[in-house]
């Protein structure tokens, strides 16, 4: 068994899209109002869940027979990946 490259590409696109939406629309509001940025991760997961629900993408279709479980896991991967992208791209480099 192997992963479908098209589905993987869509999930990677969801990662980037969720990351950019959170970084451009949500993070500035959190900074303006001094809110705890811990919650940004959950917002990315919800956004990824919405994308998965609208498209029906299931990254785990070949491995997990239950479609709902596969879609939930796909949303977790896409939302968590957005958080990973944020960690890799948006943190300032340390001054040394």
N, C-alpha and C. Protein backbone atom coordinates (compact mmCIF):
# COMPACT_ATOMS: atom_id res chain seq x y z
N UNK A 1 0.84 -1.19 0.00
CA UNK A 1 0.00 0.00 0.00
C UNK A 1 0.88 1.25 0.00
N UNK A 2 0.44 2.24 -0.74
CA UNK A 2 1.14 3.51 -0.68
C UNK A 2 0.14 4.66 -0.66
N UNK A 3 0.62 5.78 -0.17
CA UNK A 3 -0.23 6.97 -0.07
C UNK A 3 -0.49 7.55 -1.45
N UNK A 4 -1.67 8.09 -1.63
CA UNK A 4 -2.01 8.79 -2.86
C UNK A 4 -1.31 10.15 -2.85
N UNK A 5 -0.48 10.39 -3.85
CA UNK A 5 0.29 11.64 -3.90
C UNK A 5 -0.61 12.87 -4.03
N UNK A 6 -1.72 12.73 -4.72
CA UNK A 6 -2.64 13.87 -4.87
C UNK A 6 -3.27 14.25 -3.53
N UNK A 7 -3.67 13.25 -2.77
CA UNK A 7 -4.26 13.51 -1.46
C UNK A 7 -3.21 14.13 -0.54
N UNK A 8 -1.99 13.60 -0.57
CA UNK A 8 -0.92 14.15 0.25
C UNK A 8 -0.65 15.61 -0.14
N UNK A 9 -0.67 15.90 -1.43
CA UNK A 9 -0.49 17.28 -1.89
C UNK A 9 -1.59 18.20 -1.39
N UNK A 10 -2.83 17.70 -1.40
CA UNK A 10 -3.95 18.51 -0.90
C UNK A 10 -3.78 18.77 0.60
N UNK A 11 -3.39 17.76 1.35
CA UNK A 11 -3.19 17.93 2.80
C UNK A 11 -2.06 18.91 3.07
N UNK A 12 -0.98 18.83 2.29
CA UNK A 12 0.11 19.80 2.44
C UNK A 12 -0.38 21.21 2.11
N UNK A 13 -1.24 21.32 1.10
CA UNK A 13 -1.84 22.62 0.79
C UNK A 13 -2.69 23.14 1.94
N UNK A 14 -3.44 22.25 2.58
CA UNK A 14 -4.23 22.64 3.74
C UNK A 14 -3.32 23.13 4.87
N UNK A 15 -2.17 22.46 5.04
CA UNK A 15 -1.22 22.89 6.07
C UNK A 15 -0.78 24.32 5.83
N UNK A 16 -0.38 24.60 4.60
CA UNK A 16 0.10 25.94 4.26
C UNK A 16 -1.03 26.96 4.38
N UNK A 17 -2.21 26.61 3.87
CA UNK A 17 -3.34 27.53 3.92
C UNK A 17 -3.76 27.84 5.36
N UNK A 18 -3.86 26.82 6.20
CA UNK A 18 -4.21 27.05 7.61
C UNK A 18 -3.15 27.89 8.30
N UNK A 19 -1.89 27.61 8.00
CA UNK A 19 -0.79 28.38 8.59
C UNK A 19 -0.87 29.85 8.21
N UNK A 20 -1.08 30.12 6.94
CA UNK A 20 -1.13 31.51 6.47
C UNK A 20 -2.36 32.23 6.99
N UNK A 21 -3.50 31.57 7.03
CA UNK A 21 -4.71 32.21 7.54
C UNK A 21 -4.57 32.57 9.01
N UNK A 22 -4.03 31.65 9.79
CA UNK A 22 -3.83 31.93 11.22
C UNK A 22 -2.80 33.04 11.39
N UNK A 23 -1.70 32.99 10.62
CA UNK A 23 -0.65 34.00 10.77
C UNK A 23 -1.12 35.38 10.34
N UNK A 24 -1.96 35.46 9.31
CA UNK A 24 -2.35 36.77 8.78
C UNK A 24 -3.62 37.33 9.41
N UNK A 25 -4.54 36.45 9.82
CA UNK A 25 -5.82 36.95 10.31
C UNK A 25 -6.01 36.83 11.82
N UNK A 26 -5.49 35.77 12.41
CA UNK A 26 -5.77 35.50 13.81
C UNK A 26 -4.65 36.00 14.72
N UNK A 27 -3.41 35.72 14.35
CA UNK A 27 -2.28 36.11 15.20
C UNK A 27 -2.25 37.61 15.49
N UNK A 28 -2.48 38.48 14.49
CA UNK A 28 -2.49 39.92 14.81
C UNK A 28 -3.55 40.30 15.86
N UNK A 29 -4.69 39.64 15.83
CA UNK A 29 -5.72 39.92 16.84
C UNK A 29 -5.26 39.48 18.23
N UNK A 30 -4.59 38.33 18.28
CA UNK A 30 -4.08 37.85 19.56
C UNK A 30 -3.03 38.81 20.10
N UNK A 31 -2.18 39.33 19.21
CA UNK A 31 -1.15 40.27 19.65
C UNK A 31 -1.76 41.59 20.09
N UNK A 32 -2.74 42.07 19.34
CA UNK A 32 -3.36 43.36 19.67
C UNK A 32 -4.04 43.32 21.03
N UNK A 33 -4.72 42.23 21.33
CA UNK A 33 -5.47 42.15 22.58
C UNK A 33 -4.74 41.39 23.68
N UNK A 34 -3.49 41.03 23.44
CA UNK A 34 -2.67 40.36 24.46
C UNK A 34 -3.18 38.99 24.87
N UNK A 35 -3.76 38.26 23.93
CA UNK A 35 -4.30 36.93 24.23
C UNK A 35 -3.19 35.89 24.21
N UNK A 36 -3.45 34.78 24.89
CA UNK A 36 -2.49 33.69 24.98
C UNK A 36 -2.39 32.97 23.63
N UNK A 37 -1.21 32.94 23.04
CA UNK A 37 -1.02 32.33 21.72
C UNK A 37 -1.08 30.81 21.75
N UNK A 38 -1.19 30.23 22.91
CA UNK A 38 -1.34 28.78 23.04
C UNK A 38 -2.53 28.30 22.21
N UNK A 39 -3.57 29.08 22.12
CA UNK A 39 -4.81 28.69 21.45
C UNK A 39 -4.72 28.71 19.94
N UNK A 40 -3.68 29.31 19.37
CA UNK A 40 -3.54 29.36 17.92
C UNK A 40 -3.47 27.96 17.31
N UNK A 41 -2.87 27.04 18.01
CA UNK A 41 -2.76 25.66 17.53
C UNK A 41 -4.16 25.08 17.31
N UNK A 42 -5.05 25.32 18.23
CA UNK A 42 -6.40 24.78 18.12
C UNK A 42 -7.20 25.45 17.00
N UNK A 43 -6.94 26.71 16.78
CA UNK A 43 -7.60 27.41 15.68
C UNK A 43 -7.14 26.82 14.35
N UNK A 44 -5.85 26.51 14.23
CA UNK A 44 -5.34 25.88 13.01
C UNK A 44 -5.99 24.51 12.81
N UNK A 45 -6.16 23.75 13.88
CA UNK A 45 -6.81 22.45 13.77
C UNK A 45 -8.27 22.59 13.33
N UNK A 46 -8.96 23.56 13.86
CA UNK A 46 -10.36 23.78 13.46
C UNK A 46 -10.43 24.17 11.98
N UNK A 47 -9.56 25.07 11.55
CA UNK A 47 -9.53 25.45 10.14
C UNK A 47 -9.26 24.25 9.25
N UNK A 48 -8.28 23.44 9.61
CA UNK A 48 -7.97 22.24 8.84
C UNK A 48 -9.16 21.29 8.84
N UNK A 49 -9.86 21.18 9.96
CA UNK A 49 -11.05 20.35 10.03
C UNK A 49 -12.14 20.84 9.10
N UNK A 50 -12.30 22.14 8.99
CA UNK A 50 -13.29 22.71 8.07
C UNK A 50 -12.90 22.39 6.63
N UNK A 51 -11.62 22.54 6.30
CA UNK A 51 -11.15 22.23 4.94
C UNK A 51 -11.39 20.75 4.61
N UNK A 52 -11.08 19.88 5.56
CA UNK A 52 -11.28 18.44 5.34
C UNK A 52 -12.77 18.12 5.21
N UNK A 53 -13.60 18.74 6.03
CA UNK A 53 -15.04 18.49 5.96
C UNK A 53 -15.62 18.93 4.62
N UNK A 54 -15.18 20.08 4.12
CA UNK A 54 -15.70 20.58 2.85
C UNK A 54 -15.23 19.74 1.66
N UNK A 55 -14.01 19.24 1.73
CA UNK A 55 -13.45 18.52 0.58
C UNK A 55 -13.59 17.01 0.68
N UNK A 56 -13.73 16.48 1.90
CA UNK A 56 -13.83 15.04 2.09
C UNK A 56 -12.51 14.31 1.93
N UNK A 57 -11.41 15.02 2.01
CA UNK A 57 -10.08 14.41 1.86
C UNK A 57 -9.82 13.48 3.04
N UNK A 58 -9.30 12.30 2.74
CA UNK A 58 -8.97 11.33 3.78
C UNK A 58 -7.60 10.74 3.47
N UNK A 59 -6.60 11.21 4.17
CA UNK A 59 -5.22 10.76 3.97
C UNK A 59 -5.03 9.31 4.37
N UNK A 60 -5.87 8.81 5.25
CA UNK A 60 -5.71 7.47 5.81
C UNK A 60 -6.71 6.46 5.26
N UNK A 61 -7.31 6.75 4.13
CA UNK A 61 -8.35 5.90 3.56
C UNK A 61 -7.89 4.46 3.35
N UNK A 62 -6.65 4.28 2.96
CA UNK A 62 -6.13 2.93 2.69
C UNK A 62 -5.80 2.15 3.97
N UNK A 63 -5.65 2.86 5.08
CA UNK A 63 -5.19 2.23 6.30
C UNK A 63 -6.26 2.10 7.38
N UNK A 64 -7.21 3.02 7.37
CA UNK A 64 -8.25 3.04 8.41
C UNK A 64 -9.60 2.91 7.71
N UNK A 65 -10.33 1.83 7.98
CA UNK A 65 -11.58 1.60 7.25
C UNK A 65 -12.70 2.60 7.56
N UNK A 66 -12.71 3.18 8.75
CA UNK A 66 -13.77 4.12 9.11
C UNK A 66 -13.47 5.50 8.51
N UNK A 67 -14.32 6.00 7.59
CA UNK A 67 -14.04 7.28 6.94
C UNK A 67 -13.99 8.47 7.90
N UNK A 68 -14.86 8.49 8.91
CA UNK A 68 -14.86 9.61 9.85
C UNK A 68 -13.56 9.68 10.63
N UNK A 69 -13.08 8.53 11.09
CA UNK A 69 -11.81 8.50 11.82
C UNK A 69 -10.67 8.98 10.93
N UNK A 70 -10.66 8.53 9.69
CA UNK A 70 -9.61 8.94 8.75
C UNK A 70 -9.64 10.44 8.50
N UNK A 71 -10.82 11.01 8.38
CA UNK A 71 -10.93 12.45 8.15
C UNK A 71 -10.52 13.25 9.38
N UNK A 72 -10.86 12.76 10.56
CA UNK A 72 -10.44 13.44 11.79
C UNK A 72 -8.93 13.43 11.90
N UNK A 73 -8.32 12.28 11.62
CA UNK A 73 -6.86 12.19 11.67
C UNK A 73 -6.21 13.06 10.59
N UNK A 74 -6.84 13.15 9.43
CA UNK A 74 -6.33 14.02 8.37
C UNK A 74 -6.36 15.48 8.82
N UNK A 75 -7.43 15.89 9.48
CA UNK A 75 -7.52 17.25 9.99
C UNK A 75 -6.47 17.50 11.06
N UNK A 76 -6.20 16.51 11.90
CA UNK A 76 -5.17 16.67 12.93
C UNK A 76 -3.80 16.83 12.28
N UNK A 77 -3.53 16.03 11.26
CA UNK A 77 -2.24 16.14 10.56
C UNK A 77 -2.12 17.51 9.89
N UNK A 78 -3.17 17.94 9.19
CA UNK A 78 -3.12 19.22 8.49
C UNK A 78 -3.02 20.39 9.47
N UNK A 79 -3.77 20.36 10.55
CA UNK A 79 -3.70 21.44 11.55
C UNK A 79 -2.39 21.43 12.31
N UNK A 80 -1.93 20.24 12.67
CA UNK A 80 -0.65 20.13 13.37
C UNK A 80 0.51 20.49 12.46
N UNK A 81 0.36 20.17 11.17
CA UNK A 81 1.39 20.55 10.20
C UNK A 81 1.46 22.05 10.03
N UNK A 82 0.30 22.70 10.11
CA UNK A 82 0.29 24.16 10.03
C UNK A 82 1.04 24.75 11.21
N UNK A 83 0.86 24.14 12.37
CA UNK A 83 1.57 24.59 13.56
C UNK A 83 3.08 24.36 13.39
N UNK A 84 3.46 23.24 12.81
CA UNK A 84 4.86 22.94 12.55
C UNK A 84 5.44 23.95 11.57
N UNK A 85 4.70 24.26 10.51
CA UNK A 85 5.15 25.27 9.55
C UNK A 85 5.34 26.61 10.24
N UNK A 86 4.41 26.95 11.12
CA UNK A 86 4.53 28.21 11.86
C UNK A 86 5.81 28.22 12.69
N UNK A 87 6.08 27.11 13.37
CA UNK A 87 7.28 27.03 14.20
C UNK A 87 8.55 27.15 13.36
N UNK A 88 8.54 26.58 12.17
CA UNK A 88 9.73 26.60 11.33
C UNK A 88 9.93 27.91 10.60
N UNK A 89 8.85 28.61 10.28
CA UNK A 89 8.97 29.79 9.42
C UNK A 89 8.79 31.12 10.11
N UNK A 90 8.01 31.19 11.17
CA UNK A 90 7.63 32.50 11.71
C UNK A 90 8.36 32.92 12.97
N UNK A 91 9.20 32.06 13.53
CA UNK A 91 9.91 32.45 14.74
C UNK A 91 11.15 33.28 14.38
N UNK A 92 11.40 34.35 15.10
CA UNK A 92 12.60 35.12 14.83
C UNK A 92 13.85 34.34 15.19
N UNK A 93 14.89 34.56 14.43
CA UNK A 93 16.15 33.86 14.73
C UNK A 93 16.78 34.44 15.98
N UNK A 94 17.42 33.60 16.79
CA UNK A 94 18.01 34.07 18.04
C UNK A 94 19.20 34.99 17.76
N UNK A 95 19.30 36.02 18.54
CA UNK A 95 20.43 36.95 18.43
C UNK A 95 21.57 36.44 19.29
N UNK A 96 22.75 36.32 18.72
CA UNK A 96 23.83 35.77 19.51
C UNK A 96 25.04 36.49 19.45
